[in-house]
Structure formats: C-alpha cells, structure tokens
Amino acid sequence: MATLRKGICYSRRITRAYTRKSKVKSKAYIRTVPQSRVVRYEMGEAKAKYDHEVNLICRDNCQIRHNAIESVRQIVNRRLNEKVGVKNYFMKLMIFPHHILRENKMLSGAHADRLQTGMQRSFGKSIGFAAQVKKGKVVFSVLVNKEHVNNAIEAAKLANPRLPGKYSVEVKKFG
C-alpha cells in the first residue's frame, strides 16, 4: 500500500534541490509535478476593520509539506467559523509550498533485487510540495477585533501538533 513518508524525512534540513520545472522540456529536471493540496490562502472577511493581529511564528528552520498546511488551514478556519463567525475575522496563509519533494522508491522483500536500480538513477519521482520556512517567519496571520483575540489564540494553538517544528503565538495591536 502506497503511503506518505513521515514528515521528519523532509523537515530537518532546508537545502536547495535540483528541481527545475521549465516549460522547455529539455531544460526541466522534473517532468511532472503533483497538484498542490492547499486550496485557499485567504479566508474570512477581508474588507472589515480589525484592531488585533494574531500570528503563528516559526521558531526554527523547517520544511512544511502541503498536506500539513492544508490540514492547519482547515482546522483553524473551522474553529474560527464556529467561535467567532464568518464576518468577524480574516485569516491569511503567509507561506507558499514551492519546493518539490522527491522520493527514490526502493522495493523490499523476496526477489525484489531485480526490480530496482538502487542508487544508479536515484533522482527520484516528485511526490509533493513543501514550503521552506526560516526561523522568525510568520506561517499564518489572523485579524480579529479585541473581543475575539482569545478565540484566535486558541485556534492558532491548534496548529502546533499538525506542523513540524516549534511555533509561538504573537499578538499585535493596531493603532
């Protein structure tokens, strides 16, 4: 059964991989790219006036896969819809998954030695995307009014177990 590798396989080091995607076929290293799972980057009421901003900030360098970003977006958006209401907040994802992840699949088991090339052609097939996040970068931002700040902080804390690395919540007041 085909499954995703654990996030720890990709999240430790931020490196520049040779994953050139080009319209010119001969210049592209990656032939096909899978679809990103992140559906929306902005949710809520964008045009309203807010006086507080709640940010989720990354405390170390890491890579966040696109399915983890979508999971966080869904859970935080759902919590804010339930507690605050659709018209009382604006949430924006500040990271974009652009880094293509590759995997060189290895077969194991009986008689699998004739079906794989090992490290001979080990570039790998693309399996997904990741956002490379550096220390101090804001992952997402929620704009709310004063009476809904605690609900926004609670929603931001729900994102911690779904993301690799360590995060902190910061509250800013406008004006």
N, C-alpha and C. Protein backbone atom coordinates (compact mmCIF):
# COMPACT_ATOMS: atom_id res chain seq x y z
N MET A 1 0.83 -1.18 0.00
CA MET A 1 0.00 0.00 0.00
C MET A 1 0.88 1.24 0.00
N ALA A 2 0.62 2.15 -0.89
CA ALA A 2 1.43 3.36 -1.00
C ALA A 2 1.00 4.36 0.06
N THR A 3 1.96 4.82 0.85
CA THR A 3 1.68 5.79 1.90
C THR A 3 2.71 6.91 1.85
N LEU A 4 2.41 7.97 2.54
CA LEU A 4 3.37 9.07 2.65
C LEU A 4 4.46 8.71 3.63
N ARG A 5 5.64 9.18 3.35
CA ARG A 5 6.70 9.05 4.32
C ARG A 5 6.43 9.99 5.48
N LYS A 6 7.05 9.73 6.61
CA LYS A 6 6.90 10.62 7.76
C LYS A 6 7.48 11.98 7.43
N GLY A 7 6.91 13.01 8.02
CA GLY A 7 7.36 14.37 7.77
C GLY A 7 8.79 14.62 8.18
N ILE A 8 9.29 13.86 9.14
CA ILE A 8 10.66 14.05 9.62
C ILE A 8 11.67 13.73 8.52
N CYS A 9 11.26 12.96 7.52
CA CYS A 9 12.15 12.63 6.41
C CYS A 9 12.50 13.88 5.59
N TYR A 10 11.64 14.87 5.63
CA TYR A 10 11.83 16.05 4.79
C TYR A 10 12.05 17.33 5.58
N SER A 11 11.74 17.35 6.85
CA SER A 11 11.65 18.63 7.55
C SER A 11 12.92 19.06 8.26
N ARG A 12 13.95 18.26 8.31
CA ARG A 12 15.11 18.63 9.12
C ARG A 12 15.98 19.71 8.48
N ARG A 13 16.32 19.55 7.22
CA ARG A 13 17.25 20.48 6.59
C ARG A 13 16.57 21.23 5.46
N ILE A 14 16.91 22.51 5.35
CA ILE A 14 16.46 23.28 4.20
C ILE A 14 17.62 23.34 3.23
N THR A 15 17.46 22.66 2.11
CA THR A 15 18.50 22.66 1.10
C THR A 15 17.90 23.03 -0.24
N ARG A 16 18.73 23.49 -1.12
CA ARG A 16 18.29 23.81 -2.47
C ARG A 16 18.45 22.56 -3.31
N ALA A 17 17.33 22.01 -3.72
CA ALA A 17 17.36 20.78 -4.51
C ALA A 17 17.35 21.11 -5.99
N TYR A 18 17.80 20.18 -6.79
CA TYR A 18 17.80 20.37 -8.24
C TYR A 18 16.44 19.97 -8.78
N THR A 19 15.49 20.86 -8.67
CA THR A 19 14.12 20.57 -9.07
C THR A 19 13.62 21.63 -10.04
N ARG A 20 14.34 21.81 -11.11
CA ARG A 20 13.95 22.83 -12.09
C ARG A 20 12.73 22.38 -12.87
N LYS A 21 11.71 23.20 -12.86
CA LYS A 21 10.48 22.96 -13.63
C LYS A 21 10.42 24.03 -14.70
N SER A 22 10.49 23.64 -15.94
CA SER A 22 10.54 24.59 -17.04
C SER A 22 9.51 24.22 -18.11
N LYS A 23 9.07 25.24 -18.85
CA LYS A 23 8.16 24.98 -19.98
C LYS A 23 8.91 24.33 -21.14
N VAL A 24 10.21 24.60 -21.24
CA VAL A 24 11.05 23.97 -22.27
C VAL A 24 11.43 22.59 -21.76
N LYS A 25 11.00 21.56 -22.45
CA LYS A 25 11.13 20.19 -21.96
C LYS A 25 12.59 19.78 -21.70
N SER A 26 13.51 20.20 -22.54
CA SER A 26 14.90 19.78 -22.39
C SER A 26 15.58 20.43 -21.20
N LYS A 27 15.06 21.56 -20.70
CA LYS A 27 15.67 22.25 -19.57
C LYS A 27 15.07 21.86 -18.23
N ALA A 28 14.02 21.06 -18.23
CA ALA A 28 13.33 20.70 -17.00
C ALA A 28 13.94 19.42 -16.42
N TYR A 29 14.24 19.45 -15.13
CA TYR A 29 14.68 18.23 -14.44
C TYR A 29 13.47 17.40 -14.03
N ILE A 30 12.42 18.07 -13.60
CA ILE A 30 11.20 17.41 -13.16
C ILE A 30 10.22 17.43 -14.31
N ARG A 31 9.75 16.26 -14.72
CA ARG A 31 8.86 16.18 -15.87
C ARG A 31 7.42 16.52 -15.48
N THR A 32 6.95 15.96 -14.39
CA THR A 32 5.58 16.24 -13.94
C THR A 32 5.61 16.65 -12.48
N VAL A 33 4.67 17.50 -12.13
CA VAL A 33 4.58 17.98 -10.75
C VAL A 33 3.19 17.66 -10.24
N PRO A 34 3.07 17.07 -9.03
CA PRO A 34 1.74 16.78 -8.50
C PRO A 34 0.98 18.06 -8.13
N GLN A 35 -0.32 17.93 -8.00
CA GLN A 35 -1.16 19.07 -7.66
C GLN A 35 -0.97 19.43 -6.19
N SER A 36 -0.90 20.73 -5.89
CA SER A 36 -0.81 21.18 -4.51
C SER A 36 -2.16 21.01 -3.82
N ARG A 37 -2.14 20.62 -2.55
CA ARG A 37 -3.38 20.38 -1.83
C ARG A 37 -3.93 21.64 -1.17
N VAL A 38 -3.17 22.71 -1.11
CA VAL A 38 -3.65 23.94 -0.48
C VAL A 38 -4.68 24.57 -1.40
N VAL A 39 -5.88 24.76 -0.88
CA VAL A 39 -7.00 25.21 -1.70
C VAL A 39 -7.09 26.74 -1.71
N ARG A 40 -7.04 27.36 -0.54
CA ARG A 40 -7.20 28.80 -0.44
C ARG A 40 -6.12 29.37 0.48
N TYR A 41 -5.76 30.61 0.25
CA TYR A 41 -4.76 31.27 1.07
C TYR A 41 -5.35 32.41 1.90
N GLU A 42 -6.55 32.85 1.57
CA GLU A 42 -7.22 33.91 2.32
C GLU A 42 -8.64 33.47 2.65
N MET A 43 -9.04 33.61 3.92
CA MET A 43 -10.37 33.21 4.36
C MET A 43 -10.94 34.28 5.28
N GLY A 44 -12.26 34.40 5.29
CA GLY A 44 -12.93 35.35 6.16
C GLY A 44 -13.27 36.64 5.44
N GLU A 45 -13.55 37.67 6.22
CA GLU A 45 -13.96 38.98 5.70
C GLU A 45 -12.73 39.87 5.56
N ALA A 46 -12.32 40.14 4.33
CA ALA A 46 -11.08 40.88 4.09
C ALA A 46 -11.25 42.38 4.22
N LYS A 47 -12.43 42.92 3.97
CA LYS A 47 -12.61 44.37 3.89
C LYS A 47 -12.98 45.03 5.21
N ALA A 48 -13.24 44.25 6.24
CA ALA A 48 -13.62 44.84 7.53
C ALA A 48 -12.39 45.42 8.24
N LYS A 49 -12.63 46.29 9.22
CA LYS A 49 -11.55 46.90 10.02
C LYS A 49 -11.34 46.06 11.28
N TYR A 50 -10.08 45.73 11.54
CA TYR A 50 -9.72 44.93 12.71
C TYR A 50 -8.69 45.69 13.52
N ASP A 51 -8.63 45.38 14.83
CA ASP A 51 -7.66 46.10 15.68
C ASP A 51 -6.59 45.19 16.29
N HIS A 52 -6.67 43.87 16.08
CA HIS A 52 -5.64 42.96 16.59
C HIS A 52 -5.23 41.97 15.49
N GLU A 53 -3.97 41.56 15.59
CA GLU A 53 -3.43 40.56 14.66
C GLU A 53 -2.78 39.45 15.48
N VAL A 54 -3.14 38.21 15.21
CA VAL A 54 -2.56 37.04 15.88
C VAL A 54 -1.75 36.28 14.84
N ASN A 55 -0.44 36.12 15.13
CA ASN A 55 0.47 35.47 14.19
C ASN A 55 1.00 34.17 14.77
N LEU A 56 1.14 33.15 13.94
CA LEU A 56 1.84 31.93 14.32
C LEU A 56 3.23 32.02 13.69
N ILE A 57 4.27 32.04 14.54
CA ILE A 57 5.64 32.28 14.09
C ILE A 57 6.48 31.03 14.30
N CYS A 58 7.25 30.67 13.28
CA CYS A 58 8.13 29.50 13.34
C CYS A 58 9.38 29.86 14.14
N ARG A 59 9.78 28.96 15.06
CA ARG A 59 10.95 29.22 15.90
C ARG A 59 12.21 28.50 15.45
N ASP A 60 12.15 27.70 14.38
CA ASP A 60 13.35 27.09 13.82
C ASP A 60 13.13 26.81 12.33
N ASN A 61 14.21 26.57 11.62
CA ASN A 61 14.12 26.30 10.18
C ASN A 61 13.49 24.93 9.95
N CYS A 62 12.54 24.86 9.03
CA CYS A 62 11.91 23.57 8.73
C CYS A 62 11.22 23.64 7.37
N GLN A 63 10.82 22.48 6.91
CA GLN A 63 10.01 22.37 5.69
C GLN A 63 8.64 21.85 6.10
N ILE A 64 7.60 22.51 5.59
CA ILE A 64 6.23 22.11 5.91
C ILE A 64 5.58 21.62 4.62
N ARG A 65 5.13 20.37 4.62
CA ARG A 65 4.53 19.80 3.43
C ARG A 65 3.16 20.41 3.16
N HIS A 66 2.75 20.35 1.91
CA HIS A 66 1.49 20.99 1.50
C HIS A 66 0.28 20.36 2.17
N ASN A 67 0.30 19.07 2.46
CA ASN A 67 -0.85 18.47 3.13
C ASN A 67 -0.94 18.91 4.59
N ALA A 68 0.19 19.21 5.24
CA ALA A 68 0.16 19.74 6.60
C ALA A 68 -0.37 21.17 6.62
N ILE A 69 0.00 21.96 5.61
CA ILE A 69 -0.50 23.34 5.52
C ILE A 69 -2.01 23.33 5.32
N GLU A 70 -2.50 22.44 4.48
CA GLU A 70 -3.95 22.37 4.24
C GLU A 70 -4.69 21.89 5.49
N SER A 71 -4.10 20.96 6.23
CA SER A 71 -4.71 20.50 7.47
C SER A 71 -4.84 21.63 8.48
N VAL A 72 -3.79 22.41 8.62
CA VAL A 72 -3.81 23.56 9.54
C VAL A 72 -4.84 24.59 9.09
N ARG A 73 -4.88 24.85 7.81
CA ARG A 73 -5.84 25.83 7.29
C ARG A 73 -7.27 25.41 7.61
N GLN A 74 -7.57 24.14 7.41
CA GLN A 74 -8.92 23.66 7.65
C GLN A 74 -9.30 23.73 9.13
N ILE A 75 -8.41 23.29 10.01
CA ILE A 75 -8.76 23.23 11.42
C ILE A 75 -8.88 24.62 12.02
N VAL A 76 -8.00 25.55 11.65
CA VAL A 76 -8.06 26.91 12.19
C VAL A 76 -9.27 27.64 11.63
N ASN A 77 -9.53 27.49 10.35
CA ASN A 77 -10.68 28.15 9.73
C ASN A 77 -11.99 27.63 10.32
N ARG A 78 -12.08 26.34 10.55
CA ARG A 78 -13.30 25.76 11.12
C ARG A 78 -13.52 26.27 12.54
N ARG A 79 -12.45 26.33 13.34
CA ARG A 79 -12.57 26.81 14.72
C ARG A 79 -13.00 28.27 14.76
N LEU A 80 -12.41 29.09 13.88
CA LEU A 80 -12.79 30.50 13.85
C LEU A 80 -14.22 30.69 13.36
N ASN A 81 -14.68 29.88 12.41
CA ASN A 81 -16.07 29.96 11.95
C ASN A 81 -17.04 29.64 13.08
N GLU A 82 -16.71 28.62 13.89
CA GLU A 82 -17.59 28.22 14.98
C GLU A 82 -17.63 29.24 16.11
N LYS A 83 -16.47 29.70 16.54
CA LYS A 83 -16.37 30.56 17.73
C LYS A 83 -16.60 32.04 17.44
N VAL A 84 -16.12 32.51 16.31
CA VAL A 84 -16.12 33.95 16.03
C VAL A 84 -17.20 34.34 15.05
N GLY A 85 -17.42 33.53 14.04
CA GLY A 85 -18.37 33.86 12.98
C GLY A 85 -17.62 34.24 11.71
N VAL A 86 -18.25 34.03 10.58
CA VAL A 86 -17.59 34.22 9.28
C VAL A 86 -17.21 35.68 9.03
N LYS A 87 -17.99 36.61 9.51
CA LYS A 87 -17.77 38.03 9.20
C LYS A 87 -16.84 38.73 10.19
N ASN A 88 -16.31 38.03 11.20
CA ASN A 88 -15.55 38.69 12.27
C ASN A 88 -14.06 38.39 12.28
N TYR A 89 -13.53 37.82 11.23
CA TYR A 89 -12.09 37.56 11.19
C TYR A 89 -11.61 37.53 9.74
N PHE A 90 -10.29 37.62 9.59
CA PHE A 90 -9.65 37.45 8.29
C PHE A 90 -8.36 36.67 8.52
N MET A 91 -8.24 35.53 7.87
CA MET A 91 -7.05 34.68 8.02
C MET A 91 -6.31 34.60 6.69
N LYS A 92 -4.99 34.71 6.77
CA LYS A 92 -4.18 34.63 5.56
C LYS A 92 -2.98 33.73 5.80
N LEU A 93 -2.78 32.76 4.90
CA LEU A 93 -1.57 31.93 4.93
C LEU A 93 -0.43 32.74 4.34
N MET A 94 0.70 32.78 5.03
CA MET A 94 1.83 33.58 4.59
C MET A 94 2.93 32.77 3.93
N ILE A 95 2.77 31.46 3.87
CA ILE A 95 3.78 30.61 3.25
C ILE A 95 3.18 29.94 2.03
N PHE A 96 4.04 29.63 1.07
CA PHE A 96 3.59 29.00 -0.17
C PHE A 96 4.46 27.78 -0.43
N PRO A 97 3.85 26.60 -0.63
CA PRO A 97 4.66 25.42 -0.92
C PRO A 97 5.15 25.44 -2.37
N HIS A 98 6.44 25.65 -2.54
CA HIS A 98 7.03 25.74 -3.88
C HIS A 98 8.13 24.72 -4.10
N HIS A 99 8.65 24.13 -3.02
CA HIS A 99 9.78 23.22 -3.10
C HIS A 99 9.26 21.81 -3.41
N ILE A 100 9.72 21.21 -4.50
CA ILE A 100 9.25 19.90 -4.93
C ILE A 100 10.00 18.81 -4.17
N LEU A 101 9.26 17.92 -3.54
CA LEU A 101 9.85 16.80 -2.81
C LEU A 101 9.93 15.59 -3.73
N ARG A 102 11.05 14.86 -3.64
CA ARG A 102 11.24 13.68 -4.48
C ARG A 102 11.51 12.47 -3.62
N GLU A 103 11.21 11.30 -4.18
CA GLU A 103 11.45 10.06 -3.47
C GLU A 103 11.96 9.01 -4.44
N ASN A 104 13.04 8.35 -4.08
CA ASN A 104 13.55 7.22 -4.84
C ASN A 104 12.99 5.96 -4.19
N LYS A 105 11.96 5.41 -4.78
CA LYS A 105 11.28 4.27 -4.15
C LYS A 105 12.15 3.04 -4.24
N MET A 106 12.26 2.36 -3.12
CA MET A 106 13.05 1.14 -3.03
C MET A 106 12.11 -0.01 -2.68
N LEU A 107 12.28 -1.11 -3.37
CA LEU A 107 11.46 -2.28 -3.10
C LEU A 107 12.16 -3.18 -2.09
N SER A 108 11.37 -3.80 -1.26
CA SER A 108 11.95 -4.75 -0.31
C SER A 108 11.12 -6.02 -0.34
N GLY A 109 11.71 -7.09 0.13
CA GLY A 109 11.01 -8.37 0.14
C GLY A 109 11.71 -9.37 -0.76
N ALA A 110 11.10 -10.50 -0.91
CA ALA A 110 11.70 -11.59 -1.68
C ALA A 110 11.71 -11.27 -3.17
N HIS A 111 12.81 -11.52 -3.81
CA HIS A 111 13.01 -11.34 -5.25
C HIS A 111 12.84 -9.90 -5.72
N ALA A 112 13.07 -8.95 -4.85
CA ALA A 112 12.93 -7.55 -5.24
C ALA A 112 14.23 -6.99 -5.79
N ASP A 113 15.32 -7.75 -5.73
CA ASP A 113 16.62 -7.24 -6.14
C ASP A 113 16.71 -7.01 -7.65
N ARG A 114 15.88 -7.63 -8.44
CA ARG A 114 15.94 -7.44 -9.89
C ARG A 114 15.02 -6.33 -10.39
N LEU A 115 14.26 -5.70 -9.52
CA LEU A 115 13.26 -4.73 -9.94
C LEU A 115 13.67 -3.28 -9.69
N GLN A 116 14.82 -3.06 -9.09
CA GLN A 116 15.20 -1.68 -8.79
C GLN A 116 16.64 -1.43 -9.22
N THR A 117 16.96 -0.15 -9.41
CA THR A 117 18.31 0.21 -9.85
C THR A 117 19.19 0.70 -8.71
N GLY A 118 18.67 0.77 -7.49
CA GLY A 118 19.47 1.23 -6.35
C GLY A 118 19.79 2.70 -6.47
N MET A 119 21.07 3.05 -6.31
CA MET A 119 21.48 4.45 -6.38
C MET A 119 21.97 4.84 -7.77
N GLN A 120 21.81 3.96 -8.74
CA GLN A 120 22.31 4.24 -10.09
C GLN A 120 21.58 5.42 -10.72
N ARG A 121 20.26 5.44 -10.63
CA ARG A 121 19.46 6.56 -11.14
C ARG A 121 18.54 7.02 -10.01
N SER A 122 19.13 7.68 -9.07
CA SER A 122 18.43 7.94 -7.81
C SER A 122 17.83 9.33 -7.70
N PHE A 123 17.55 10.00 -8.82
CA PHE A 123 16.98 11.35 -8.75
C PHE A 123 15.62 11.33 -8.08
N GLY A 124 14.80 10.35 -8.32
CA GLY A 124 13.51 10.21 -7.65
C GLY A 124 12.37 10.86 -8.41
N LYS A 125 11.18 10.42 -8.09
CA LYS A 125 9.96 10.99 -8.68
C LYS A 125 9.38 12.01 -7.71
N SER A 126 8.73 13.02 -8.26
CA SER A 126 8.14 14.04 -7.40
C SER A 126 6.90 13.47 -6.71
N ILE A 127 6.81 13.71 -5.40
CA ILE A 127 5.69 13.18 -4.63
C ILE A 127 4.87 14.27 -3.97
N GLY A 128 5.35 15.50 -3.95
CA GLY A 128 4.59 16.56 -3.31
C GLY A 128 5.38 17.85 -3.23
N PHE A 129 4.82 18.82 -2.52
CA PHE A 129 5.44 20.13 -2.34
C PHE A 129 5.71 20.38 -0.88
N ALA A 130 6.61 21.31 -0.61
CA ALA A 130 6.87 21.76 0.76
C ALA A 130 7.19 23.25 0.73
N ALA A 131 6.82 23.91 1.81
CA ALA A 131 7.19 25.31 1.99
C ALA A 131 8.42 25.34 2.87
N GLN A 132 9.46 26.02 2.44
CA GLN A 132 10.66 26.15 3.25
C GLN A 132 10.51 27.38 4.12
N VAL A 133 10.46 27.15 5.43
CA VAL A 133 10.19 28.22 6.38
C VAL A 133 11.42 28.44 7.24
N LYS A 134 11.88 29.68 7.30
CA LYS A 134 13.04 30.01 8.12
C LYS A 134 12.59 30.54 9.48
N LYS A 135 13.52 30.55 10.40
CA LYS A 135 13.24 31.00 11.77
C LYS A 135 12.72 32.44 11.76
N GLY A 136 11.63 32.68 12.49
CA GLY A 136 11.06 34.01 12.59
C GLY A 136 10.01 34.33 11.54
N LYS A 137 9.74 33.43 10.62
CA LYS A 137 8.76 33.66 9.55
C LYS A 137 7.35 33.41 10.09
N VAL A 138 6.41 34.24 9.68
CA VAL A 138 5.01 34.08 10.05
C VAL A 138 4.38 33.02 9.14
N VAL A 139 3.79 32.00 9.73
CA VAL A 139 3.15 30.94 8.96
C VAL A 139 1.76 31.37 8.52
N PHE A 140 0.96 31.85 9.45
CA PHE A 140 -0.34 32.43 9.09
C PHE A 140 -0.69 33.55 10.06
N SER A 141 -1.57 34.41 9.61
CA SER A 141 -1.96 35.58 10.37
C SER A 141 -3.48 35.65 10.43
N VAL A 142 -4.02 35.99 11.60
CA VAL A 142 -5.45 36.13 11.80
C VAL A 142 -5.74 37.54 12.30
N LEU A 143 -6.59 38.27 11.59
CA LEU A 143 -7.00 39.60 12.01
C LEU A 143 -8.37 39.50 12.67
N VAL A 144 -8.47 40.02 13.91
CA VAL A 144 -9.72 39.99 14.66
C VAL A 144 -9.86 41.27 15.46
N ASN A 145 -11.04 41.46 16.04
CA ASN A 145 -11.26 42.56 16.98
C ASN A 145 -10.94 42.10 18.39
N LYS A 146 -10.94 43.05 19.34
CA LYS A 146 -10.48 42.79 20.70
C LYS A 146 -11.24 41.65 21.38
N GLU A 147 -12.55 41.57 21.19
CA GLU A 147 -13.34 40.57 21.90
C GLU A 147 -13.09 39.14 21.41
N HIS A 148 -12.45 38.98 20.25
CA HIS A 148 -12.22 37.64 19.69
C HIS A 148 -10.74 37.23 19.71
N VAL A 149 -9.89 37.97 20.42
CA VAL A 149 -8.45 37.66 20.43
C VAL A 149 -8.19 36.30 21.07
N ASN A 150 -8.86 35.99 22.18
CA ASN A 150 -8.63 34.71 22.85
C ASN A 150 -9.04 33.52 21.97
N ASN A 151 -10.11 33.67 21.22
CA ASN A 151 -10.52 32.60 20.30
C ASN A 151 -9.49 32.41 19.18
N ALA A 152 -8.91 33.49 18.70
CA ALA A 152 -7.90 33.39 17.65
C ALA A 152 -6.61 32.75 18.18
N ILE A 153 -6.24 33.07 19.42
CA ILE A 153 -5.05 32.44 20.04
C ILE A 153 -5.29 30.95 20.21
N GLU A 154 -6.48 30.58 20.67
CA GLU A 154 -6.82 29.17 20.84
C GLU A 154 -6.78 28.43 19.50
N ALA A 155 -7.28 29.06 18.45
CA ALA A 155 -7.26 28.44 17.12
C ALA A 155 -5.83 28.29 16.61
N ALA A 156 -4.97 29.28 16.89
CA ALA A 156 -3.56 29.19 16.46
C ALA A 156 -2.82 28.09 17.20
N LYS A 157 -3.17 27.86 18.46
CA LYS A 157 -2.52 26.79 19.23
C LYS A 157 -2.92 25.41 18.74
N LEU A 158 -4.08 25.31 18.07
CA LEU A 158 -4.48 24.02 17.49
C LEU A 158 -3.57 23.60 16.33
N ALA A 159 -2.85 24.56 15.75
CA ALA A 159 -1.98 24.26 14.61
C ALA A 159 -0.68 23.59 15.03
N ASN A 160 -0.23 23.77 16.28
CA ASN A 160 1.06 23.25 16.72
C ASN A 160 1.25 21.76 16.50
N PRO A 161 0.34 20.88 16.92
CA PRO A 161 0.60 19.45 16.73
C PRO A 161 0.54 18.99 15.28
N ARG A 162 0.01 19.80 14.39
CA ARG A 162 -0.13 19.40 12.99
C ARG A 162 1.03 19.86 12.12
N LEU A 163 1.95 20.62 12.70
CA LEU A 163 3.07 21.15 11.94
C LEU A 163 4.39 20.63 12.50
N PRO A 164 5.39 20.43 11.65
CA PRO A 164 6.71 20.05 12.16
C PRO A 164 7.41 21.27 12.74
N GLY A 165 8.22 21.07 13.75
CA GLY A 165 8.98 22.17 14.34
C GLY A 165 8.26 22.79 15.53
N LYS A 166 8.82 23.92 15.99
CA LYS A 166 8.28 24.62 17.15
C LYS A 166 7.75 25.97 16.71
N TYR A 167 6.66 26.39 17.35
CA TYR A 167 5.98 27.62 16.96
C TYR A 167 5.58 28.42 18.19
N SER A 168 5.43 29.71 18.00
CA SER A 168 4.94 30.58 19.07
C SER A 168 3.83 31.46 18.49
N VAL A 169 2.96 31.92 19.39
CA VAL A 169 1.84 32.77 19.01
C VAL A 169 2.14 34.19 19.47
N GLU A 170 1.96 35.14 18.56
CA GLU A 170 2.24 36.55 18.86
C GLU A 170 0.98 37.38 18.58
N VAL A 171 0.68 38.31 19.48
CA VAL A 171 -0.49 39.18 19.31
C VAL A 171 -0.01 40.61 19.14
N LYS A 172 -0.47 41.28 18.09
CA LYS A 172 -0.13 42.68 17.84
C LYS A 172 -1.41 43.50 17.87
N LYS A 173 -1.31 44.71 18.41
CA LYS A 173 -2.44 45.62 18.43
C LYS A 173 -2.18 46.75 17.45
N PHE A 174 -3.16 47.09 16.64
CA PHE A 174 -3.02 48.18 15.69
C PHE A 174 -3.41 49.49 16.36
N GLY A 175 -2.73 50.57 15.96
CA GLY A 175 -3.09 51.91 16.38
C GLY A 175 -3.02 52.22 17.77
